[in-house]
């Protein structure tokens, strides 16, 4: 027969285990949420850039020009369809879209800057994707101004 004090502290141990498990699982959920946010925050803009590169690969230059918010009927004021074809068409350094790689990716105000690396092109080209309407354009620089934490790029280089 068990003694009076045999069950003493069992409830406290259960409660302590429950609190520890709750804290560990809560911290794991927060870490997972942060990682997923960092991984997918620019997903839509990445798809826009991939679609732009795919249109170049398929040689659909008018459709790619339309992604800049311009059409042959209503061309951009400072960027004509002829200039676009000259810069992105078959005679440009970007004539082989399969060789294009992506460098840095920066959130910059209301858009995302993607650095495009092409072996034939120096320096790298930077594209700006507007988050509001997903239009493509040239970025003024390959990196947004200001300081940059390289933590995410470090993890992408190690595990991506």
N, C-alpha and C. Protein backbone atom coordinates (compact mmCIF):
# COMPACT_ATOMS: atom_id res chain seq x y z
N UNK A 1 0.84 -1.16 0.00
CA UNK A 1 0.00 0.00 0.00
C UNK A 1 0.89 1.24 0.00
N UNK A 2 0.49 2.21 -0.87
CA UNK A 2 1.30 3.40 -0.99
C UNK A 2 1.16 4.30 0.20
N UNK A 3 2.20 5.04 0.44
CA UNK A 3 2.20 5.96 1.55
C UNK A 3 1.49 7.25 1.19
N UNK A 4 1.23 8.02 2.21
CA UNK A 4 0.51 9.27 2.07
C UNK A 4 1.28 10.25 1.19
N UNK A 5 2.59 10.30 1.27
CA UNK A 5 3.40 11.29 0.57
C UNK A 5 3.96 10.79 -0.76
N UNK A 6 3.56 9.61 -1.22
CA UNK A 6 4.08 9.07 -2.47
C UNK A 6 3.68 9.94 -3.68
N UNK A 7 2.51 10.52 -3.69
CA UNK A 7 2.03 11.32 -4.81
C UNK A 7 2.36 12.80 -4.64
N UNK A 8 3.11 13.11 -3.60
CA UNK A 8 3.44 14.50 -3.34
C UNK A 8 4.35 15.05 -4.44
N UNK A 9 3.98 16.13 -5.09
CA UNK A 9 4.79 16.78 -6.11
C UNK A 9 4.52 16.31 -7.52
N UNK A 10 3.69 15.28 -7.72
CA UNK A 10 3.41 14.77 -9.06
C UNK A 10 2.69 15.84 -9.89
N UNK A 11 1.74 16.50 -9.33
CA UNK A 11 1.00 17.54 -10.04
C UNK A 11 1.93 18.70 -10.39
N UNK A 12 2.83 19.03 -9.50
CA UNK A 12 3.78 20.11 -9.78
C UNK A 12 4.71 19.73 -10.92
N UNK A 13 5.15 18.48 -10.96
CA UNK A 13 6.02 18.03 -12.05
C UNK A 13 5.29 18.07 -13.38
N UNK A 14 4.03 17.65 -13.39
CA UNK A 14 3.25 17.70 -14.63
C UNK A 14 3.09 19.14 -15.11
N UNK A 15 2.77 20.03 -14.20
CA UNK A 15 2.59 21.43 -14.54
C UNK A 15 3.90 22.02 -15.07
N UNK A 16 5.00 21.68 -14.44
CA UNK A 16 6.31 22.18 -14.88
C UNK A 16 6.65 21.65 -16.28
N UNK A 17 6.38 20.37 -16.54
CA UNK A 17 6.60 19.81 -17.88
C UNK A 17 5.73 20.49 -18.91
N UNK A 18 4.48 20.74 -18.57
CA UNK A 18 3.56 21.41 -19.49
C UNK A 18 4.03 22.83 -19.81
N UNK A 19 4.49 23.54 -18.80
CA UNK A 19 4.99 24.91 -19.02
C UNK A 19 6.22 24.87 -19.92
N UNK A 20 7.15 23.95 -19.66
CA UNK A 20 8.36 23.84 -20.49
C UNK A 20 8.00 23.51 -21.93
N UNK A 21 7.12 22.55 -22.13
CA UNK A 21 6.70 22.17 -23.49
C UNK A 21 6.02 23.34 -24.20
N UNK A 22 5.17 24.06 -23.48
CA UNK A 22 4.49 25.21 -24.07
C UNK A 22 5.49 26.27 -24.50
N UNK A 23 6.47 26.54 -23.67
CA UNK A 23 7.48 27.54 -24.01
C UNK A 23 8.31 27.09 -25.21
N UNK A 24 8.74 25.84 -25.23
CA UNK A 24 9.56 25.32 -26.34
C UNK A 24 8.76 25.35 -27.64
N UNK A 25 7.53 24.83 -27.62
CA UNK A 25 6.73 24.81 -28.84
C UNK A 25 6.35 26.23 -29.28
N UNK A 26 6.10 27.12 -28.34
CA UNK A 26 5.81 28.51 -28.70
C UNK A 26 7.00 29.18 -29.36
N UNK A 27 8.19 28.97 -28.80
CA UNK A 27 9.40 29.54 -29.39
C UNK A 27 9.66 28.95 -30.78
N UNK A 28 9.44 27.64 -30.92
CA UNK A 28 9.62 27.00 -32.22
C UNK A 28 8.63 27.56 -33.24
N UNK A 29 7.40 27.82 -32.82
CA UNK A 29 6.39 28.38 -33.73
C UNK A 29 6.78 29.80 -34.16
N UNK A 30 7.31 30.59 -33.23
CA UNK A 30 7.74 31.95 -33.57
C UNK A 30 8.90 31.91 -34.55
N UNK A 31 9.88 31.06 -34.31
CA UNK A 31 11.03 30.93 -35.22
C UNK A 31 10.56 30.49 -36.60
N UNK A 32 9.68 29.50 -36.65
CA UNK A 32 9.15 29.03 -37.92
C UNK A 32 8.39 30.13 -38.65
N UNK A 33 7.59 30.90 -37.93
CA UNK A 33 6.84 31.99 -38.55
C UNK A 33 7.78 33.04 -39.13
N UNK A 34 8.85 33.39 -38.42
CA UNK A 34 9.81 34.37 -38.92
C UNK A 34 10.52 33.85 -40.16
N UNK A 35 10.93 32.59 -40.14
CA UNK A 35 11.61 32.00 -41.30
C UNK A 35 10.68 31.97 -42.50
N UNK A 36 9.44 31.56 -42.31
CA UNK A 36 8.48 31.52 -43.41
C UNK A 36 8.19 32.92 -43.94
N UNK A 37 8.10 33.90 -43.06
CA UNK A 37 7.89 35.27 -43.51
C UNK A 37 9.06 35.74 -44.36
N UNK A 38 10.28 35.52 -43.89
CA UNK A 38 11.45 35.95 -44.65
C UNK A 38 11.56 35.20 -45.98
N UNK A 39 11.16 33.95 -46.00
CA UNK A 39 11.28 33.15 -47.21
C UNK A 39 10.24 33.57 -48.25
N UNK A 40 9.02 33.88 -47.83
CA UNK A 40 7.93 34.13 -48.76
C UNK A 40 7.51 35.59 -48.89
N UNK A 41 8.17 36.54 -48.24
CA UNK A 41 7.70 37.92 -48.27
C UNK A 41 7.78 38.53 -49.66
N UNK A 42 8.70 38.10 -50.48
CA UNK A 42 8.83 38.63 -51.83
C UNK A 42 8.46 37.59 -52.88
N UNK A 43 7.70 36.59 -52.50
CA UNK A 43 7.39 35.50 -53.40
C UNK A 43 6.67 35.99 -54.66
N UNK A 44 5.70 36.88 -54.50
CA UNK A 44 4.94 37.36 -55.64
C UNK A 44 5.85 38.13 -56.61
N UNK A 45 6.75 38.94 -56.09
CA UNK A 45 7.66 39.69 -56.95
C UNK A 45 8.67 38.76 -57.62
N UNK A 46 9.09 37.71 -56.92
CA UNK A 46 9.98 36.72 -57.54
C UNK A 46 9.30 36.05 -58.72
N UNK A 47 8.01 35.77 -58.59
CA UNK A 47 7.27 35.16 -59.69
C UNK A 47 7.16 36.12 -60.88
N UNK A 48 7.05 37.41 -60.61
CA UNK A 48 6.99 38.40 -61.68
C UNK A 48 8.32 38.40 -62.45
N UNK A 49 9.44 38.38 -61.72
CA UNK A 49 10.75 38.37 -62.39
C UNK A 49 10.92 37.08 -63.19
N UNK A 50 10.52 35.95 -62.63
CA UNK A 50 10.63 34.68 -63.35
C UNK A 50 9.76 34.69 -64.60
N UNK A 51 8.58 35.28 -64.51
CA UNK A 51 7.71 35.38 -65.67
C UNK A 51 8.34 36.28 -66.73
N UNK A 52 8.96 37.37 -66.31
CA UNK A 52 9.64 38.27 -67.25
C UNK A 52 10.76 37.53 -67.98
N UNK A 53 11.56 36.77 -67.24
CA UNK A 53 12.66 36.01 -67.84
C UNK A 53 12.10 34.94 -68.78
N UNK A 54 10.99 34.31 -68.39
CA UNK A 54 10.37 33.28 -69.24
C UNK A 54 9.87 33.89 -70.54
N UNK A 55 9.31 35.09 -70.48
CA UNK A 55 8.85 35.76 -71.70
C UNK A 55 10.03 36.10 -72.61
N UNK A 56 11.14 36.50 -72.02
CA UNK A 56 12.34 36.76 -72.82
C UNK A 56 12.82 35.47 -73.48
N UNK A 57 12.76 34.39 -72.75
CA UNK A 57 13.20 33.09 -73.28
C UNK A 57 12.32 32.65 -74.45
N UNK A 58 11.03 32.92 -74.33
CA UNK A 58 10.09 32.56 -75.39
C UNK A 58 10.09 33.58 -76.53
N UNK A 59 10.90 34.63 -76.39
CA UNK A 59 11.01 35.70 -77.37
C UNK A 59 9.69 36.45 -77.57
N UNK A 60 8.93 36.58 -76.50
CA UNK A 60 7.69 37.35 -76.50
C UNK A 60 8.01 38.74 -75.94
N UNK A 61 8.68 39.52 -76.74
CA UNK A 61 9.20 40.80 -76.28
C UNK A 61 8.09 41.82 -76.02
N UNK A 62 6.99 41.76 -76.79
CA UNK A 62 5.90 42.70 -76.55
C UNK A 62 5.21 42.41 -75.22
N UNK A 63 5.06 41.12 -74.88
CA UNK A 63 4.48 40.77 -73.58
C UNK A 63 5.41 41.17 -72.44
N UNK A 64 6.70 40.98 -72.64
CA UNK A 64 7.67 41.39 -71.62
C UNK A 64 7.67 42.91 -71.48
N UNK A 65 7.54 43.62 -72.59
CA UNK A 65 7.47 45.09 -72.55
C UNK A 65 6.21 45.54 -71.81
N UNK A 66 5.12 44.79 -71.95
CA UNK A 66 3.88 45.11 -71.24
C UNK A 66 4.04 44.97 -69.73
N UNK A 67 4.96 44.12 -69.28
CA UNK A 67 5.20 43.97 -67.84
C UNK A 67 5.83 45.23 -67.25
N UNK A 68 6.38 46.09 -68.10
CA UNK A 68 6.95 47.36 -67.65
C UNK A 68 5.85 48.42 -67.51
N UNK A 69 4.60 48.03 -67.81
CA UNK A 69 3.50 48.97 -67.76
C UNK A 69 3.38 49.74 -69.07
N UNK A 70 4.00 49.22 -70.12
CA UNK A 70 4.00 49.87 -71.42
C UNK A 70 3.43 48.90 -72.45
N UNK A 71 2.82 49.44 -73.47
CA UNK A 71 2.35 48.63 -74.59
C UNK A 71 2.79 49.31 -75.88
N UNK A 72 2.83 48.58 -76.98
CA UNK A 72 3.18 49.23 -78.24
C UNK A 72 2.20 50.35 -78.61
N UNK A 73 0.91 50.20 -78.21
CA UNK A 73 -0.07 51.25 -78.48
C UNK A 73 0.16 52.47 -77.60
N UNK A 74 0.55 52.23 -76.36
CA UNK A 74 0.81 53.32 -75.40
C UNK A 74 2.21 53.13 -74.81
N UNK A 75 3.25 53.44 -75.58
CA UNK A 75 4.61 53.20 -75.08
C UNK A 75 4.96 54.13 -73.92
N UNK A 76 5.90 53.71 -73.16
CA UNK A 76 6.41 54.55 -72.07
C UNK A 76 7.08 55.78 -72.69
N UNK A 77 6.99 56.88 -71.99
CA UNK A 77 7.49 58.15 -72.53
C UNK A 77 8.99 58.08 -72.84
N UNK A 78 9.77 57.50 -71.94
CA UNK A 78 11.23 57.49 -72.11
C UNK A 78 11.78 56.10 -72.43
N UNK A 79 10.90 55.15 -72.77
CA UNK A 79 11.36 53.79 -73.03
C UNK A 79 10.52 53.18 -74.14
N UNK A 80 10.99 53.32 -75.35
CA UNK A 80 10.24 52.87 -76.52
C UNK A 80 10.36 51.35 -76.67
N UNK A 81 9.44 50.72 -77.43
CA UNK A 81 9.54 49.29 -77.68
C UNK A 81 10.84 48.91 -78.39
N UNK A 82 11.32 49.78 -79.26
CA UNK A 82 12.57 49.51 -79.97
C UNK A 82 13.75 49.49 -79.01
N UNK A 83 13.75 50.44 -78.07
CA UNK A 83 14.83 50.48 -77.08
C UNK A 83 14.76 49.25 -76.17
N UNK A 84 13.55 48.83 -75.81
CA UNK A 84 13.39 47.64 -74.99
C UNK A 84 13.95 46.42 -75.71
N UNK A 85 13.59 46.26 -76.97
CA UNK A 85 14.08 45.11 -77.75
C UNK A 85 15.58 45.17 -77.92
N UNK A 86 16.12 46.37 -78.04
CA UNK A 86 17.58 46.51 -78.15
C UNK A 86 18.26 46.09 -76.85
N UNK A 87 17.67 46.43 -75.70
CA UNK A 87 18.30 46.12 -74.41
C UNK A 87 18.02 44.70 -73.92
N UNK A 88 16.90 44.10 -74.34
CA UNK A 88 16.53 42.78 -73.85
C UNK A 88 16.36 41.75 -74.94
N UNK A 89 16.50 42.14 -76.19
CA UNK A 89 16.23 41.26 -77.32
C UNK A 89 17.39 40.35 -77.69
N UNK A 90 17.35 39.78 -78.91
CA UNK A 90 18.33 38.78 -79.33
C UNK A 90 19.76 39.31 -79.47
N UNK A 91 19.92 40.60 -79.67
CA UNK A 91 21.28 41.14 -79.82
C UNK A 91 21.83 41.72 -78.52
N UNK A 92 21.11 41.56 -77.43
CA UNK A 92 21.54 42.12 -76.15
C UNK A 92 22.35 41.11 -75.34
N UNK A 93 22.98 41.54 -74.27
CA UNK A 93 23.68 40.58 -73.39
C UNK A 93 22.72 39.58 -72.74
N UNK A 94 21.43 39.89 -72.72
CA UNK A 94 20.43 39.02 -72.09
C UNK A 94 19.73 38.15 -73.12
N UNK A 95 20.39 37.90 -74.24
CA UNK A 95 19.79 37.09 -75.30
C UNK A 95 19.63 35.63 -74.90
N UNK A 96 20.40 35.18 -73.89
CA UNK A 96 20.27 33.81 -73.39
C UNK A 96 19.70 33.86 -71.97
N UNK A 97 18.37 33.89 -71.82
CA UNK A 97 17.78 33.99 -70.49
C UNK A 97 18.12 32.83 -69.56
N UNK A 98 18.51 31.68 -70.13
CA UNK A 98 18.86 30.53 -69.28
C UNK A 98 20.13 30.78 -68.48
N UNK A 99 20.98 31.69 -68.95
CA UNK A 99 22.23 31.99 -68.25
C UNK A 99 22.06 33.02 -67.15
N UNK A 100 20.88 33.60 -67.06
CA UNK A 100 20.64 34.65 -66.06
C UNK A 100 20.51 34.03 -64.67
N UNK A 101 21.23 34.59 -63.74
CA UNK A 101 21.16 34.19 -62.33
C UNK A 101 20.73 35.41 -61.52
N UNK A 102 20.23 35.16 -60.32
CA UNK A 102 19.80 36.25 -59.45
C UNK A 102 20.81 36.45 -58.34
N UNK A 103 21.14 37.70 -58.07
CA UNK A 103 22.06 38.04 -57.00
C UNK A 103 21.27 38.49 -55.78
N UNK A 104 21.56 39.69 -55.33
CA UNK A 104 20.90 40.24 -54.15
C UNK A 104 19.43 40.50 -54.42
N UNK A 105 18.67 40.46 -53.35
CA UNK A 105 17.24 40.78 -53.38
C UNK A 105 16.99 41.69 -52.18
N UNK A 106 16.55 42.91 -52.44
CA UNK A 106 16.35 43.88 -51.37
C UNK A 106 14.94 44.44 -51.39
N UNK A 107 14.34 44.55 -50.21
CA UNK A 107 13.10 45.31 -50.08
C UNK A 107 13.48 46.77 -50.05
N UNK A 108 12.82 47.54 -50.86
CA UNK A 108 13.20 48.94 -50.99
C UNK A 108 11.93 49.77 -51.13
N UNK A 109 11.47 50.33 -50.03
CA UNK A 109 10.26 51.15 -50.10
C UNK A 109 9.06 50.34 -50.52
N UNK A 110 8.44 50.73 -51.63
CA UNK A 110 7.23 50.05 -52.09
C UNK A 110 7.53 48.99 -53.15
N UNK A 111 8.74 48.48 -53.17
CA UNK A 111 9.09 47.47 -54.16
C UNK A 111 10.25 46.61 -53.72
N UNK A 112 10.68 45.77 -54.65
CA UNK A 112 11.79 44.85 -54.40
C UNK A 112 12.79 45.02 -55.53
N UNK A 113 14.07 45.09 -55.17
CA UNK A 113 15.15 45.20 -56.15
C UNK A 113 15.79 43.83 -56.30
N UNK A 114 15.85 43.35 -57.55
CA UNK A 114 16.49 42.08 -57.87
C UNK A 114 17.72 42.37 -58.71
N UNK A 115 18.85 41.84 -58.28
CA UNK A 115 20.08 41.98 -59.05
C UNK A 115 20.16 40.80 -60.01
N UNK A 116 20.32 41.11 -61.30
CA UNK A 116 20.38 40.07 -62.32
C UNK A 116 21.82 39.94 -62.80
N UNK A 117 22.34 38.74 -62.70
CA UNK A 117 23.72 38.46 -63.09
C UNK A 117 23.72 37.72 -64.42
N UNK A 118 24.44 38.24 -65.38
CA UNK A 118 24.57 37.62 -66.70
C UNK A 118 26.05 37.62 -67.03
N UNK A 119 26.60 36.50 -67.46
CA UNK A 119 28.04 36.45 -67.72
C UNK A 119 28.52 37.49 -68.75
N UNK A 120 27.69 37.84 -69.72
CA UNK A 120 28.09 38.79 -70.74
C UNK A 120 27.95 40.24 -70.31
N UNK A 121 27.26 40.49 -69.22
CA UNK A 121 26.93 41.86 -68.82
C UNK A 121 27.66 42.24 -67.54
N UNK A 122 28.40 43.31 -67.59
CA UNK A 122 29.04 43.89 -66.42
C UNK A 122 28.75 45.37 -66.42
N UNK A 123 28.38 45.97 -65.39
CA UNK A 123 28.03 45.46 -64.06
C UNK A 123 26.66 44.79 -64.10
N UNK A 124 26.27 44.14 -63.01
CA UNK A 124 24.97 43.48 -62.99
C UNK A 124 23.83 44.48 -63.16
N UNK A 125 22.76 44.02 -63.75
CA UNK A 125 21.56 44.84 -63.95
C UNK A 125 20.66 44.67 -62.74
N UNK A 126 19.98 45.72 -62.35
CA UNK A 126 19.05 45.66 -61.22
C UNK A 126 17.65 46.01 -61.71
N UNK A 127 16.70 45.14 -61.38
CA UNK A 127 15.31 45.37 -61.73
C UNK A 127 14.52 45.69 -60.47
N UNK A 128 13.59 46.64 -60.62
CA UNK A 128 12.73 47.04 -59.51
C UNK A 128 11.32 46.55 -59.82
N UNK A 129 10.75 45.78 -58.91
CA UNK A 129 9.38 45.29 -59.05
C UNK A 129 8.52 46.06 -58.05
N UNK A 130 7.56 46.80 -58.56
CA UNK A 130 6.67 47.57 -57.72
C UNK A 130 5.68 46.62 -57.05
N UNK A 131 5.57 46.69 -55.72
CA UNK A 131 4.69 45.78 -54.99
C UNK A 131 3.21 46.10 -55.20
N UNK A 132 2.89 47.33 -55.55
CA UNK A 132 1.49 47.72 -55.69
C UNK A 132 0.86 47.15 -56.96
N UNK A 133 1.60 47.22 -58.09
CA UNK A 133 1.01 46.77 -59.35
C UNK A 133 1.88 45.75 -60.09
N UNK A 134 2.97 45.32 -59.46
CA UNK A 134 3.88 44.30 -60.02
C UNK A 134 4.42 44.67 -61.40
N UNK A 135 4.68 45.94 -61.61
CA UNK A 135 5.33 46.35 -62.85
C UNK A 135 6.84 46.26 -62.67
N UNK A 136 7.51 46.02 -63.78
CA UNK A 136 8.96 45.88 -63.80
C UNK A 136 9.56 47.21 -64.24
N UNK A 137 10.73 47.51 -63.73
CA UNK A 137 11.46 48.70 -64.15
C UNK A 137 12.91 48.58 -63.73
N UNK A 138 13.70 49.52 -64.21
CA UNK A 138 15.10 49.53 -63.80
C UNK A 138 15.22 50.13 -62.41
N UNK A 139 16.06 49.56 -61.60
CA UNK A 139 16.35 50.11 -60.28
C UNK A 139 17.49 51.11 -60.42
N UNK A 140 17.49 52.17 -59.64
CA UNK A 140 18.57 53.15 -59.74
C UNK A 140 19.92 52.58 -59.34
N UNK A 141 19.92 51.56 -58.48
CA UNK A 141 21.17 50.92 -58.05
C UNK A 141 20.86 49.45 -57.78
N UNK A 142 21.91 48.63 -57.74
CA UNK A 142 21.67 47.21 -57.51
C UNK A 142 21.34 46.90 -56.06
N UNK A 143 21.57 47.84 -55.17
CA UNK A 143 21.22 47.69 -53.76
C UNK A 143 20.46 48.92 -53.31
N UNK A 144 19.54 48.75 -52.39
CA UNK A 144 18.85 49.88 -51.80
C UNK A 144 19.84 50.67 -50.94
N UNK A 145 19.64 51.97 -50.83
CA UNK A 145 20.55 52.73 -49.98
C UNK A 145 20.38 52.33 -48.51
N UNK A 146 21.41 52.50 -47.76
CA UNK A 146 21.36 52.18 -46.34
C UNK A 146 22.12 50.92 -46.00
N UNK A 147 22.08 50.58 -44.72
CA UNK A 147 22.78 49.40 -44.24
C UNK A 147 21.96 48.15 -44.56
N UNK A 148 22.66 47.04 -44.77
CA UNK A 148 22.01 45.79 -45.10
C UNK A 148 22.49 44.69 -44.18
N UNK A 149 21.55 43.99 -43.58
CA UNK A 149 21.91 42.79 -42.83
C UNK A 149 22.07 41.66 -43.83
N UNK A 150 23.14 40.95 -43.72
CA UNK A 150 23.44 39.88 -44.67
C UNK A 150 23.04 38.51 -44.12
N UNK A 151 22.27 38.48 -43.06
CA UNK A 151 21.92 37.22 -42.42
C UNK A 151 21.13 36.33 -43.36
N UNK A 152 20.11 36.87 -44.02
CA UNK A 152 19.28 36.06 -44.90
C UNK A 152 20.08 35.56 -46.09
N UNK A 153 20.93 36.38 -46.65
CA UNK A 153 21.76 35.96 -47.77
C UNK A 153 22.75 34.88 -47.32
N UNK A 154 23.22 34.97 -46.09
CA UNK A 154 24.10 33.94 -45.55
C UNK A 154 23.37 32.60 -45.52
N UNK A 155 22.13 32.59 -45.00
CA UNK A 155 21.37 31.34 -44.93
C UNK A 155 21.03 30.82 -46.32
N UNK A 156 20.71 31.71 -47.25
CA UNK A 156 20.41 31.27 -48.61
C UNK A 156 21.63 30.65 -49.26
N UNK A 157 22.81 31.22 -48.99
CA UNK A 157 24.03 30.67 -49.60
C UNK A 157 24.38 29.31 -49.00
N UNK A 158 24.02 29.09 -47.75
CA UNK A 158 24.34 27.83 -47.09
C UNK A 158 23.34 26.73 -47.40
N UNK A 159 22.05 27.10 -47.45
CA UNK A 159 21.02 26.09 -47.54
C UNK A 159 20.17 26.19 -48.81
N UNK A 160 20.37 27.21 -49.64
CA UNK A 160 19.48 27.42 -50.78
C UNK A 160 19.99 26.98 -52.06
